[in-house]
């Protein structure tokens, strides 16, 4: 980033399909650090490189500068160190990074064999960069981020990177993904023609908050109805718009609770689980969701609206857009976070413009996004893929026990925060018999229209009971009259056996209906 913006003359390094998709939870790419190659998570929401591999690294220099990085509830601690770092054709000698000695709540990445994070945000948001400035002087550049160092070495290359996130089970797109530096993925060059979404707040001068890949969002639409957000907390934002952080480090997007309810209350049979704080959605059901940026609509694939997981011996589906819980005034630089459940639907180019740490007035960084979801094809794909997901998950369950096939370190209701991610809620067995499916539909019907159904059931059952009683009384009276008549004529009375009285108890059952009031 230490240079002026050059004309778009892309370097074709052909680094496509180089992103590893770990269960749609973490997206990582291979790097070589300190002579060892290993995967590291791509994170547009942070700026630092940190690593904690299970093997020693060849360091070029060490320091006694201890630093702590906080990610949601996860945090890491270690000393700033230096090592040669390589990604594809790019090599940075003596790259500064945090050599982590202790990591808390990062099991979601370490359990997938991923041993650190590659921060892709700005130098001024880098703890390593700030600490080196404080310790070695304000003109010191040893602590610059990995991308800054690459752009310094390649003055003719555009200072941008792009991300294409794959989707597990995808039949119409990549399952893994791509991460490129200074080039576009083949076939996606049209992203350069999309609207430029400038960083907001711009923070090119008088920086008062951590600079992020935060841009303005126009609106959110569900089934053709636009949701009304509260006024943005960002003073620089245009009226009626929201400022969102584009963060590959979040599996699930974090949006206002009312917006979450607006999405999932539109799905037939969906319920809010007060215990887990998540929406429980019938796995075969979905809705039409889109977000608008720069007067451009970005439709969301139905597979990215809900997620399949396990709760005990049940296969369940939960909301993939979660409620953000920020106290008033907690942040002033953004309103909410769009994570992987959104970013899987775009090819995104993150362009630093002419902005550099020592040239803050030259230009504002911006993002361009090319929609990648064809909603017609996506809706067709959803049924087949979701059925396969449910079947695979159900087959991983141990019938008759609580042993389930859940990714490591994920409880029955999953993760609600960054870097410890996933989630949950209801459906029947993989492909239940027809009468079970009918029962399931009736169950969802009663949940959605509880009071009305209960009243109708009660009235019907009451009427049937009255009719039954009347019928029994009339039959008894007729029988008594016949008996009396037979005695009068000198015949022996007929002795009715118990099995001669036919009463099918199964036709008169009582239904117990649970009604959830989500208001």
Protein backbone atom coordinates (compact mmCIF):
# COMPACT_ATOMS: atom_id res chain seq x y z
CA UNK A 1 0.00 0.00 0.00
CA UNK A 2 3.05 2.27 0.03
CA UNK A 3 2.56 3.71 -3.42
CA UNK A 4 0.24 5.60 -5.74
CA UNK A 5 -2.63 3.90 -7.51
CA UNK A 6 -1.62 2.41 -10.87
CA UNK A 7 -3.82 1.74 -13.91
CA UNK A 8 -5.67 -1.55 -13.72
CA UNK A 9 -3.16 -3.80 -15.47
CA UNK A 10 -3.68 -7.08 -13.68
CA UNK A 11 -0.83 -9.47 -12.91
CA UNK A 12 -1.99 -12.96 -13.85
CA UNK A 13 -0.54 -15.13 -11.12
CA UNK A 14 -3.33 -17.73 -11.44
CA UNK A 15 -3.87 -18.33 -7.76
CA UNK A 16 -7.50 -19.40 -8.18
CA UNK A 17 -9.05 -22.22 -6.16
CA UNK A 18 -6.46 -21.66 -3.44
CA UNK A 19 -8.90 -21.20 -0.56
CA UNK A 20 -9.77 -24.12 1.67
CA UNK A 21 -13.37 -24.22 2.86
CA UNK A 22 -13.61 -25.94 6.26
CA UNK A 23 -17.30 -26.92 6.51
CA UNK A 24 -18.49 -23.40 5.54
CA UNK A 25 -17.15 -22.29 8.93
CA UNK A 26 -13.60 -21.11 8.21
CA UNK A 27 -11.91 -20.07 4.96
CA UNK A 28 -8.15 -20.50 4.85
CA UNK A 29 -5.22 -20.37 2.44
CA UNK A 30 -1.75 -21.89 2.60
CA UNK A 31 1.20 -19.67 3.44
CA UNK A 32 4.81 -20.42 4.22
CA UNK A 33 6.07 -18.77 7.41
CA UNK A 34 9.46 -19.43 8.95
CA UNK A 35 10.16 -22.19 6.45
CA UNK A 36 6.96 -24.13 7.23
CA UNK A 37 3.84 -24.31 5.07
CA UNK A 38 0.46 -24.41 6.79
CA UNK A 39 -3.08 -23.05 6.34
CA UNK A 40 -4.10 -19.76 7.90
CA UNK A 41 -7.53 -18.14 8.07
CA UNK A 42 -8.39 -15.22 5.78
CA UNK A 43 -9.81 -12.38 7.85
CA UNK A 44 -10.88 -9.06 6.35
CA UNK A 45 -11.98 -7.98 9.82
CA UNK A 46 -8.49 -7.77 11.33
CA UNK A 47 -5.04 -6.58 10.29
CA UNK A 48 -2.41 -8.75 11.99
CA UNK A 49 -0.71 -11.98 11.08
CA UNK A 50 -0.60 -14.36 14.00
CA UNK A 51 0.40 -18.00 14.10
CA UNK A 52 0.53 -20.88 16.57
CA UNK A 53 1.50 -23.99 14.58
CA UNK A 54 2.32 -27.26 16.38
CA UNK A 55 5.91 -27.08 15.14
CA UNK A 56 8.76 -24.57 15.53
CA UNK A 57 9.28 -21.77 13.02
CA UNK A 58 12.61 -20.48 11.74
CA UNK A 59 12.62 -16.89 12.96
CA UNK A 60 14.81 -14.14 11.51
CA UNK A 61 14.44 -11.98 14.61
CA UNK A 62 12.66 -11.93 17.95
CA UNK A 63 11.57 -9.22 20.38
CA UNK A 64 10.41 -9.06 23.97
CA UNK A 65 7.39 -6.97 22.90
CA UNK A 66 4.33 -8.80 24.17
CA UNK A 67 0.97 -8.13 22.54
CA UNK A 68 -2.59 -9.28 22.93
CA UNK A 69 -5.18 -9.53 20.13
CA UNK A 70 -8.89 -9.75 20.89
CA UNK A 71 -11.46 -11.24 18.49
CA UNK A 72 -14.99 -11.28 19.88
CA UNK A 73 -14.55 -13.57 22.88
CA UNK A 74 -11.41 -15.16 21.42
CA UNK A 75 -8.00 -13.76 22.18
CA UNK A 76 -4.34 -14.58 21.63
CA UNK A 77 -1.17 -13.55 23.39
CA UNK A 78 2.46 -13.75 22.33
CA UNK A 79 5.60 -11.83 21.41
CA UNK A 80 6.20 -9.94 18.19
CA UNK A 81 8.65 -11.85 16.00
CA UNK A 82 9.93 -11.78 12.43
CA UNK A 83 10.16 -14.50 9.79
CA UNK A 84 10.21 -14.86 6.02
CA UNK A 85 6.64 -15.22 4.74
CA UNK A 86 5.44 -16.45 1.33
CA UNK A 87 2.07 -16.60 -0.39
CA UNK A 88 2.08 -17.90 -3.96
CA UNK A 89 4.65 -15.88 -5.92
CA UNK A 90 4.94 -13.22 -3.22
CA UNK A 91 7.65 -13.36 -0.58
CA UNK A 92 8.20 -10.87 2.22
CA UNK A 93 11.49 -11.14 4.12
CA UNK A 94 11.32 -10.45 7.84
CA UNK A 95 7.54 -10.16 8.07
CA UNK A 96 6.40 -9.00 11.50
CA UNK A 97 3.82 -11.25 13.16
CA UNK A 98 2.55 -12.28 16.56
CA UNK A 99 4.22 -15.53 17.61
CA UNK A 100 1.35 -16.81 19.76
CA UNK A 101 2.00 -18.71 22.95
CA UNK A 102 -1.58 -18.77 24.24
CA UNK A 103 -4.86 -18.82 22.32
CA UNK A 104 -8.32 -18.85 23.89
CA UNK A 105 -11.57 -19.86 22.14
CA UNK A 106 -10.01 -20.58 18.75
CA UNK A 107 -10.90 -24.25 18.66
CA UNK A 108 -13.10 -23.70 15.60
CA UNK A 109 -9.99 -23.05 13.48
CA UNK A 110 -7.40 -25.22 15.23
CA UNK A 111 -9.70 -28.26 15.11
CA UNK A 112 -9.69 -27.88 11.32
CA UNK A 113 -5.89 -27.87 11.15
CA UNK A 114 -5.67 -24.10 10.69
CA UNK A 115 -2.94 -22.48 12.76
CA UNK A 116 -3.45 -18.74 12.66
CA UNK A 117 -5.00 -15.74 10.96
CA UNK A 118 -3.95 -13.57 8.04
CA UNK A 119 -5.42 -10.13 8.71
CA UNK A 120 -6.39 -8.27 5.53
CA UNK A 121 -7.45 -4.93 6.94
CA UNK A 122 -5.49 -1.70 7.40
CA UNK A 123 -2.10 -1.00 9.01
CA UNK A 124 -3.58 1.47 11.47
CA UNK A 125 -5.76 -1.34 12.81
CA UNK A 126 -2.72 -3.58 13.34
CA UNK A 127 -1.57 -4.08 16.92
CA UNK A 128 1.82 -5.34 15.69
CA UNK A 129 2.28 -2.20 13.57
CA UNK A 130 1.31 0.15 16.41
CA UNK A 131 3.54 -1.66 18.91
CA UNK A 132 6.56 -1.46 16.60
CA UNK A 133 5.95 2.26 16.13
CA UNK A 134 5.79 2.77 19.88
CA UNK A 135 8.96 0.77 20.49
CA UNK A 136 11.10 1.64 17.46
CA UNK A 137 9.91 5.12 16.49
CA UNK A 138 7.13 6.72 14.48
CA UNK A 139 9.02 6.35 11.21
CA UNK A 140 9.68 2.66 11.62
CA UNK A 141 8.12 0.39 8.97
CA UNK A 142 9.13 -3.02 10.32
CA UNK A 143 5.62 -3.73 11.57
CA UNK A 144 3.72 -3.11 8.32
CA UNK A 145 1.10 -5.68 7.41
CA UNK A 146 1.81 -8.49 4.95
CA UNK A 147 -0.21 -6.85 2.16
CA UNK A 148 1.48 -3.47 2.67
CA UNK A 149 4.87 -5.11 2.26
CA UNK A 150 3.75 -6.91 -0.92
CA UNK A 151 2.49 -3.66 -2.45
CA UNK A 152 5.74 -1.90 -1.49
CA UNK A 153 7.71 -4.55 -3.37
CA UNK A 154 5.42 -4.50 -6.42
CA UNK A 155 5.05 -0.84 -7.31
CA UNK A 156 3.39 -1.59 -10.68
CA UNK A 157 0.73 -3.92 -9.24
CA UNK A 158 -2.72 -2.61 -8.27
CA UNK A 159 -2.99 -2.49 -4.49
CA UNK A 160 -6.07 -4.67 -4.18
CA UNK A 161 -6.99 -8.20 -3.19
CA UNK A 162 -10.06 -10.24 -4.06
CA UNK A 163 -12.01 -12.95 -2.28
CA UNK A 164 -14.36 -15.58 -3.68
CA UNK A 165 -15.80 -17.81 -0.96
CA UNK A 166 -17.04 -21.26 -1.91
CA UNK A 167 -20.02 -23.15 -0.58
CA UNK A 168 -20.02 -26.76 0.57
CA UNK A 169 -22.17 -29.04 -1.66
CA UNK A 170 -22.43 -26.27 -4.26
CA UNK A 171 -23.51 -27.65 -7.65
CA UNK A 172 -23.28 -24.38 -9.56
CA UNK A 173 -20.12 -22.79 -8.15
CA UNK A 174 -16.87 -23.48 -6.29
CA UNK A 175 -16.90 -25.49 -3.08
CA UNK A 176 -13.60 -24.02 -1.96
CA UNK A 177 -12.83 -20.49 -3.18
CA UNK A 178 -10.14 -18.12 -4.34
CA UNK A 179 -7.95 -15.40 -2.85
CA UNK A 180 -5.88 -13.20 -5.16
CA UNK A 181 -3.53 -10.27 -4.73
CA UNK A 182 -3.32 -7.57 -7.43
CA UNK A 183 -5.37 -9.62 -9.90
CA UNK A 184 -8.91 -10.78 -10.60
CA UNK A 185 -10.06 -14.37 -10.79
CA UNK A 186 -10.48 -15.47 -14.40
CA UNK A 187 -14.07 -14.96 -15.51
CA UNK A 188 -14.87 -12.43 -12.78
CA UNK A 189 -13.17 -9.37 -14.26
CA UNK A 190 -16.55 -7.60 -14.51
CA UNK A 191 -16.25 -6.78 -10.82
CA UNK A 192 -14.17 -3.77 -11.90
CA UNK A 193 -17.31 -2.28 -13.48
CA UNK A 194 -19.44 -2.54 -10.34
CA UNK A 195 -20.19 0.49 -8.09
CA UNK A 196 -17.35 1.64 -5.90
CA UNK A 197 -18.42 1.41 -2.27
CA UNK A 198 -16.08 3.78 -0.47
CA UNK A 199 -14.96 3.12 3.07
CA UNK A 200 -17.24 4.84 5.56
CA UNK A 201 -16.17 6.60 7.67
CA UNK A 202 -13.39 7.54 5.24
CA UNK A 203 -10.86 8.32 8.01
CA UNK A 204 -8.21 9.65 5.69
CA UNK A 205 -7.54 12.43 8.21
CA UNK A 206 -8.29 12.78 11.92
CA UNK A 207 -8.57 9.05 12.48
CA UNK A 208 -10.77 8.51 15.54
CA UNK A 209 -11.70 4.84 15.18
CA UNK A 210 -10.14 1.64 13.90
CA UNK A 211 -10.32 1.73 10.07
CA UNK A 212 -12.24 -1.26 8.71
CA UNK A 213 -13.60 -2.55 5.42
CA UNK A 214 -16.86 -0.79 6.25
CA UNK A 215 -19.17 0.42 3.48
CA UNK A 216 -22.67 1.85 3.17
CA UNK A 217 -25.60 -0.49 2.56
CA UNK A 218 -28.82 0.80 0.99
CA UNK A 219 -31.40 -1.68 2.27
CA UNK A 220 -32.50 -5.23 3.06
CA UNK A 221 -35.49 -6.83 1.33
CA UNK A 222 -37.43 -9.96 2.30
CA UNK A 223 -40.05 -11.32 -0.11
CA UNK A 224 -40.20 -7.94 -1.80
CA UNK A 225 -40.72 -6.03 1.47
CA UNK A 226 -38.05 -3.60 2.61
CA UNK A 227 -36.97 -3.62 6.25
CA UNK A 228 -36.78 -0.28 8.07
CA UNK A 229 -33.50 -0.02 9.97
CA UNK A 230 -32.92 2.42 12.79
CA UNK A 231 -30.83 5.49 12.08
CA UNK A 232 -27.15 4.70 11.57
CA UNK A 233 -24.66 5.46 14.33
CA UNK A 234 -22.10 6.65 11.77
CA UNK A 235 -22.18 10.43 11.34
CA UNK A 236 -20.63 10.30 7.84
CA UNK A 237 -23.23 7.91 6.42
CA UNK A 238 -25.83 9.11 3.94
CA UNK A 239 -29.42 9.45 5.24
CA UNK A 240 -31.31 6.17 5.32
CA UNK A 241 -28.20 4.00 4.88
CA UNK A 242 -26.41 1.59 7.20
CA UNK A 243 -22.65 1.11 7.57
CA UNK A 244 -21.62 -2.55 7.53
CA UNK A 245 -18.27 -4.27 7.97
CA UNK A 246 -17.46 -6.93 5.36
CA UNK A 247 -15.77 -9.57 7.49
CA UNK A 248 -14.69 -13.01 6.24
CA UNK A 249 -13.82 -13.90 9.84
CA UNK A 250 -17.49 -14.19 10.81
CA UNK A 251 -19.26 -17.35 9.70
CA UNK A 252 -22.67 -15.83 10.37
CA UNK A 253 -23.62 -12.24 9.64
CA UNK A 254 -24.41 -10.16 12.73
CA UNK A 255 -27.40 -7.86 12.13
CA UNK A 256 -29.95 -6.04 14.35
CA UNK A 257 -32.35 -8.39 16.21
CA UNK A 258 -35.42 -6.83 14.56
CA UNK A 259 -33.88 -7.49 11.13
CA UNK A 260 -33.28 -11.15 12.09
CA UNK A 261 -36.92 -11.50 13.14
CA UNK A 262 -38.04 -9.83 9.91
CA UNK A 263 -36.20 -12.46 7.85
CA UNK A 264 -37.14 -15.62 9.73
CA UNK A 265 -40.70 -14.76 10.69
CA UNK A 266 -41.39 -14.80 6.94
CA UNK A 267 -40.63 -18.56 6.78
CA UNK A 268 -43.54 -20.94 7.32
CA UNK A 269 -43.09 -22.98 10.47
CA UNK A 270 -40.13 -20.99 11.82
CA UNK A 271 -40.04 -20.44 15.58
CA UNK A 272 -37.82 -18.45 17.90
CA UNK A 273 -36.16 -20.55 20.58
CA UNK A 274 -35.98 -18.50 23.78
CA UNK A 275 -33.41 -20.85 25.30
CA UNK A 276 -30.87 -20.78 22.49
CA UNK A 277 -31.71 -17.31 21.22
CA UNK A 278 -31.89 -18.73 17.69
CA UNK A 279 -34.61 -19.22 15.12
CA UNK A 280 -35.65 -22.81 14.48
CA UNK A 281 -36.53 -23.27 10.83
CA UNK A 282 -37.92 -26.31 8.95
CA UNK A 283 -34.88 -27.36 6.93
CA UNK A 284 -36.82 -27.63 3.68
CA UNK A 285 -38.20 -24.08 3.97
CA UNK A 286 -36.64 -20.75 3.01
CA UNK A 287 -37.42 -17.18 1.99
CA UNK A 288 -36.33 -14.60 -0.60
CA UNK A 289 -33.62 -12.39 0.90
CA UNK A 290 -31.53 -9.70 -0.77
CA UNK A 291 -29.33 -6.77 0.22
CA UNK A 292 -28.84 -3.61 -1.79
CA UNK A 293 -25.52 -1.80 -2.17
CA UNK A 294 -24.95 1.14 -4.52
CA UNK A 295 -28.38 0.58 -6.11
CA UNK A 296 -27.32 -2.99 -6.89
CA UNK A 297 -29.33 -5.94 -5.54
CA UNK A 298 -27.44 -8.94 -4.15
CA UNK A 299 -29.71 -12.00 -3.75
CA UNK A 300 -28.84 -14.53 -1.06
CA UNK A 301 -28.67 -18.24 -1.82
CA UNK A 302 -31.24 -20.19 0.27
CA UNK A 303 -28.39 -22.41 1.52
CA UNK A 304 -26.88 -19.31 3.16
CA UNK A 305 -30.08 -18.33 4.98
CA UNK A 306 -30.21 -21.38 7.26
CA UNK A 307 -27.64 -23.91 8.42
CA UNK A 308 -27.95 -27.65 9.12
CA UNK A 309 -26.59 -29.06 12.38
CA UNK A 310 -27.45 -31.36 15.27
CA UNK A 311 -29.15 -31.16 18.63
CA UNK A 312 -29.04 -34.44 20.50
CA UNK A 313 -30.28 -37.06 18.04
CA UNK A 314 -32.18 -34.54 15.89
CA UNK A 315 -31.13 -32.91 12.65
CA UNK A 316 -32.01 -29.25 12.95
CA UNK A 317 -31.75 -25.96 11.03
CA UNK A 318 -30.99 -22.51 12.46
CA UNK A 319 -30.70 -18.97 11.21
CA UNK A 320 -27.45 -18.01 9.46
CA UNK A 321 -28.09 -14.31 10.10
CA UNK A 322 -27.68 -13.71 13.83
CA UNK A 323 -28.60 -10.91 16.19
CA UNK A 324 -25.79 -8.48 16.97
CA UNK A 325 -25.74 -7.38 20.59
CA UNK A 326 -24.06 -4.01 20.87
CA UNK A 327 -24.91 -1.70 23.78
CA UNK A 328 -25.84 1.86 22.74
CA UNK A 329 -22.69 3.83 22.05
CA UNK A 330 -20.46 0.75 22.11
CA UNK A 331 -19.21 1.46 18.59
CA UNK A 332 -19.44 4.54 16.38
CA UNK A 333 -17.74 3.31 13.22
CA UNK A 334 -20.29 0.76 11.96
CA UNK A 335 -23.82 -0.56 12.50
CA UNK A 336 -23.41 -4.30 11.97
CA UNK A 337 -21.34 -7.04 10.30
CA UNK A 338 -21.86 -8.95 7.06
CA UNK A 339 -20.01 -12.24 7.35
CA UNK A 340 -19.63 -15.36 5.21
CA UNK A 341 -23.39 -16.01 4.99
CA UNK A 342 -23.47 -12.84 2.87
CA UNK A 343 -20.02 -12.87 1.27
CA UNK A 344 -20.56 -16.31 -0.29
CA UNK A 345 -22.97 -14.54 -2.65
CA UNK A 346 -20.46 -12.09 -4.14
CA UNK A 347 -17.03 -11.88 -5.67
CA UNK A 348 -15.46 -9.02 -3.72
CA UNK A 349 -12.55 -6.77 -4.62
CA UNK A 350 -11.00 -4.83 -1.73
CA UNK A 351 -9.08 -1.85 -3.15
CA UNK A 352 -6.86 0.35 -0.99
CA UNK A 353 -7.14 3.20 -3.50
CA UNK A 354 -4.17 5.52 -3.05
CA UNK A 355 -4.41 5.33 0.73
CA UNK A 356 -1.21 4.55 2.62
CA UNK A 357 -0.24 5.08 6.26
CA UNK A 358 1.92 8.08 5.28
CA UNK A 359 -0.33 9.45 2.51
CA UNK A 360 -3.78 9.66 4.08
CA UNK A 361 -5.28 12.29 1.82
CA UNK A 362 -4.59 10.62 -1.52
CA UNK A 363 -7.75 8.53 -1.77
CA UNK A 364 -10.38 6.55 0.06
CA UNK A 365 -10.25 2.74 -0.03
CA UNK A 366 -13.27 1.08 -1.62
CA UNK A 367 -14.94 -2.28 -2.25
CA UNK A 368 -16.55 -3.57 -5.44
CA UNK A 369 -18.86 -6.59 -5.36
CA UNK A 370 -20.08 -8.75 -8.23
CA UNK A 371 -23.23 -10.78 -7.37
CA UNK A 372 -22.66 -14.49 -7.96
CA UNK A 373 -26.02 -16.04 -7.00
CA UNK A 374 -28.54 -16.81 -9.72
CA UNK A 375 -31.67 -16.97 -7.60
CA UNK A 376 -33.63 -19.18 -10.02
CA UNK A 377 -30.88 -21.79 -10.14
CA UNK A 378 -30.22 -21.39 -6.41
CA UNK A 379 -33.83 -22.18 -5.50
CA UNK A 380 -33.71 -25.32 -7.64
CA UNK A 381 -30.40 -26.32 -6.10
CA UNK A 382 -31.59 -25.70 -2.57
CA UNK A 383 -34.02 -28.62 -2.46
CA UNK A 384 -31.50 -31.20 -3.68
CA UNK A 385 -28.52 -29.95 -1.69
CA UNK A 386 -30.45 -29.38 1.54
CA UNK A 387 -31.90 -32.89 1.34
CA UNK A 388 -28.36 -34.22 0.93
CA UNK A 389 -27.08 -32.11 3.84
CA UNK A 390 -29.86 -33.35 6.10
CA UNK A 391 -29.31 -36.97 5.11
CA UNK A 392 -25.57 -36.73 5.68
CA UNK A 393 -26.05 -35.11 9.07
CA UNK A 394 -28.74 -37.60 10.10
CA UNK A 395 -26.55 -40.53 9.09
CA UNK A 396 -23.85 -39.19 11.40
CA UNK A 397 -26.15 -39.42 14.40
CA UNK A 398 -26.15 -42.50 16.60
CA UNK A 399 -29.75 -43.69 16.80
CA UNK A 400 -31.02 -44.15 20.33
CA UNK A 401 -28.21 -42.22 22.00
CA UNK A 402 -26.98 -38.68 22.46
CA UNK A 403 -23.80 -39.28 20.44
CA UNK A 404 -23.94 -36.91 17.48
CA UNK A 405 -21.81 -35.96 14.52
CA UNK A 406 -21.16 -32.35 15.53
CA UNK A 407 -17.95 -30.52 14.59
CA UNK A 408 -15.51 -30.33 17.53
CA UNK A 409 -16.18 -27.81 20.27
CA UNK A 410 -19.70 -27.01 19.12
CA UNK A 411 -22.52 -27.34 21.56
CA UNK A 412 -26.12 -28.06 20.59
CA UNK A 413 -26.79 -24.42 19.87
CA UNK A 414 -23.49 -23.54 18.18
CA UNK A 415 -21.46 -20.39 18.35
CA UNK A 416 -22.62 -16.83 18.53
CA UNK A 417 -19.36 -15.01 17.98
CA UNK A 418 -16.33 -14.61 15.77
CA UNK A 419 -13.80 -17.44 15.39
CA UNK A 420 -15.91 -19.81 17.53
CA UNK A 421 -18.69 -20.27 15.02
CA UNK A 422 -21.79 -22.30 14.15
CA UNK A 423 -25.46 -22.86 15.05
CA UNK A 424 -28.77 -24.82 15.15
CA UNK A 425 -32.74 -25.98 15.21
CA UNK A 426 -35.87 -28.51 13.88
CA UNK A 427 -36.67 -31.16 11.25
CA UNK A 428 -37.68 -34.80 11.02
CA UNK A 429 -35.54 -37.76 10.03
CA UNK A 430 -33.80 -37.62 6.64
CA UNK A 431 -36.77 -38.78 4.56
CA UNK A 432 -39.59 -39.72 6.97
CA UNK A 433 -42.58 -41.81 5.87
CA UNK A 434 -45.46 -39.88 4.36
CA UNK A 435 -47.59 -40.02 7.49
CA UNK A 436 -44.69 -38.55 9.46
CA UNK A 437 -44.33 -35.74 6.92
CA UNK A 438 -48.05 -35.02 7.18
CA UNK A 439 -47.69 -34.99 10.96
CA UNK A 440 -44.76 -32.60 10.63
CA UNK A 441 -46.76 -30.25 8.44
CA UNK A 442 -49.64 -30.36 10.92
CA UNK A 443 -47.19 -29.68 13.72
CA UNK A 444 -45.83 -26.60 11.93
CA UNK A 445 -49.40 -25.51 11.17
CA UNK A 446 -50.34 -25.64 14.82
CA UNK A 447 -47.21 -23.71 15.74
CA UNK A 448 -47.97 -21.00 13.22
CA UNK A 449 -51.72 -20.79 13.95
CA UNK A 450 -51.84 -22.24 17.45
CA UNK A 451 -54.89 -20.57 19.04
CA UNK A 452 -57.13 -21.02 16.01
CA UNK A 453 -56.15 -24.67 15.56
CA UNK A 454 -56.59 -25.40 19.26
CA UNK A 455 -60.08 -23.85 19.21
CA UNK A 456 -61.09 -25.80 16.11
CA UNK A 457 -59.69 -29.06 17.50
CA UNK A 458 -61.42 -28.50 20.83
CA UNK A 459 -64.74 -27.76 19.14
CA UNK A 460 -64.46 -30.76 16.82
CA UNK A 461 -63.46 -33.16 19.59
CA UNK A 462 -66.26 -31.82 21.81
CA UNK A 463 -68.81 -32.32 19.03
CA UNK A 464 -67.57 -35.85 18.35
CA UNK A 465 -67.73 -36.67 22.04
CA UNK A 466 -71.32 -35.42 22.28
CA UNK A 467 -72.30 -37.40 19.20
CA UNK A 468 -70.61 -40.49 20.62
CA UNK A 469 -72.43 -40.17 23.93
CA UNK A 470 -75.77 -39.61 22.21
CA UNK A 471 -75.13 -42.62 20.00
CA UNK A 472 -74.29 -44.84 22.94
CA UNK A 473 -77.37 -43.68 24.87
CA UNK A 474 -79.69 -44.31 21.92
CA UNK A 475 -78.18 -47.74 21.30
CA UNK A 476 -78.53 -48.65 24.95
CA UNK A 477 -82.16 -47.55 25.04
CA UNK A 478 -82.92 -49.60 21.91
CA UNK A 479 -81.20 -52.61 23.38
CA UNK A 480 -83.11 -52.29 26.64
CA UNK A 481 -86.40 -52.03 24.76
CA UNK A 482 -85.51 -55.17 22.79
CA UNK A 483 -84.62 -57.06 25.96
CA UNK A 484 -87.85 -56.06 27.61
CA UNK A 485 -89.74 -57.12 24.50
CA UNK A 486 -88.09 -60.52 24.44
CA UNK A 487 -88.97 -61.17 28.11
CA UNK A 488 -92.53 -60.21 27.44
CA UNK A 489 -92.75 -62.82 24.69
CA UNK A 490 -91.08 -65.54 26.82
CA UNK A 491 -87.68 -65.56 25.15
CA UNK A 492 -84.41 -65.75 27.11
CA UNK A 493 -82.58 -62.39 27.26
CA UNK A 494 -79.59 -62.00 24.94
CA UNK A 495 -76.33 -61.86 26.94
CA UNK A 496 -74.05 -59.34 25.19
CA UNK A 497 -70.37 -60.12 25.48
CA UNK A 498 -67.86 -57.31 26.03
CA UNK A 499 -66.23 -57.94 22.64
CA UNK A 500 -69.57 -57.39 20.91
CA UNK A 501 -69.51 -53.68 21.88
CA UNK A 502 -67.35 -51.99 19.25
CA UNK A 503 -65.67 -48.66 20.18
CA UNK A 504 -62.56 -47.64 18.25
CA UNK A 505 -60.67 -45.53 20.73
CA UNK A 506 -58.09 -44.48 18.12
CA UNK A 507 -60.66 -42.25 16.40
CA UNK A 508 -60.97 -39.98 19.45
CA UNK A 509 -57.55 -38.69 20.43
CA UNK A 510 -56.57 -35.50 22.21
CA UNK A 511 -53.98 -33.25 20.57
CA UNK A 512 -51.50 -31.29 22.69
CA UNK A 513 -50.46 -28.09 20.90
CA UNK A 514 -47.52 -25.91 21.93
CA UNK A 515 -47.97 -22.27 20.91
CA UNK A 516 -45.05 -19.86 20.75
CA UNK A 517 -45.71 -16.16 20.94
CA UNK A 518 -42.82 -14.41 19.24
CA UNK A 519 -44.18 -10.93 19.73
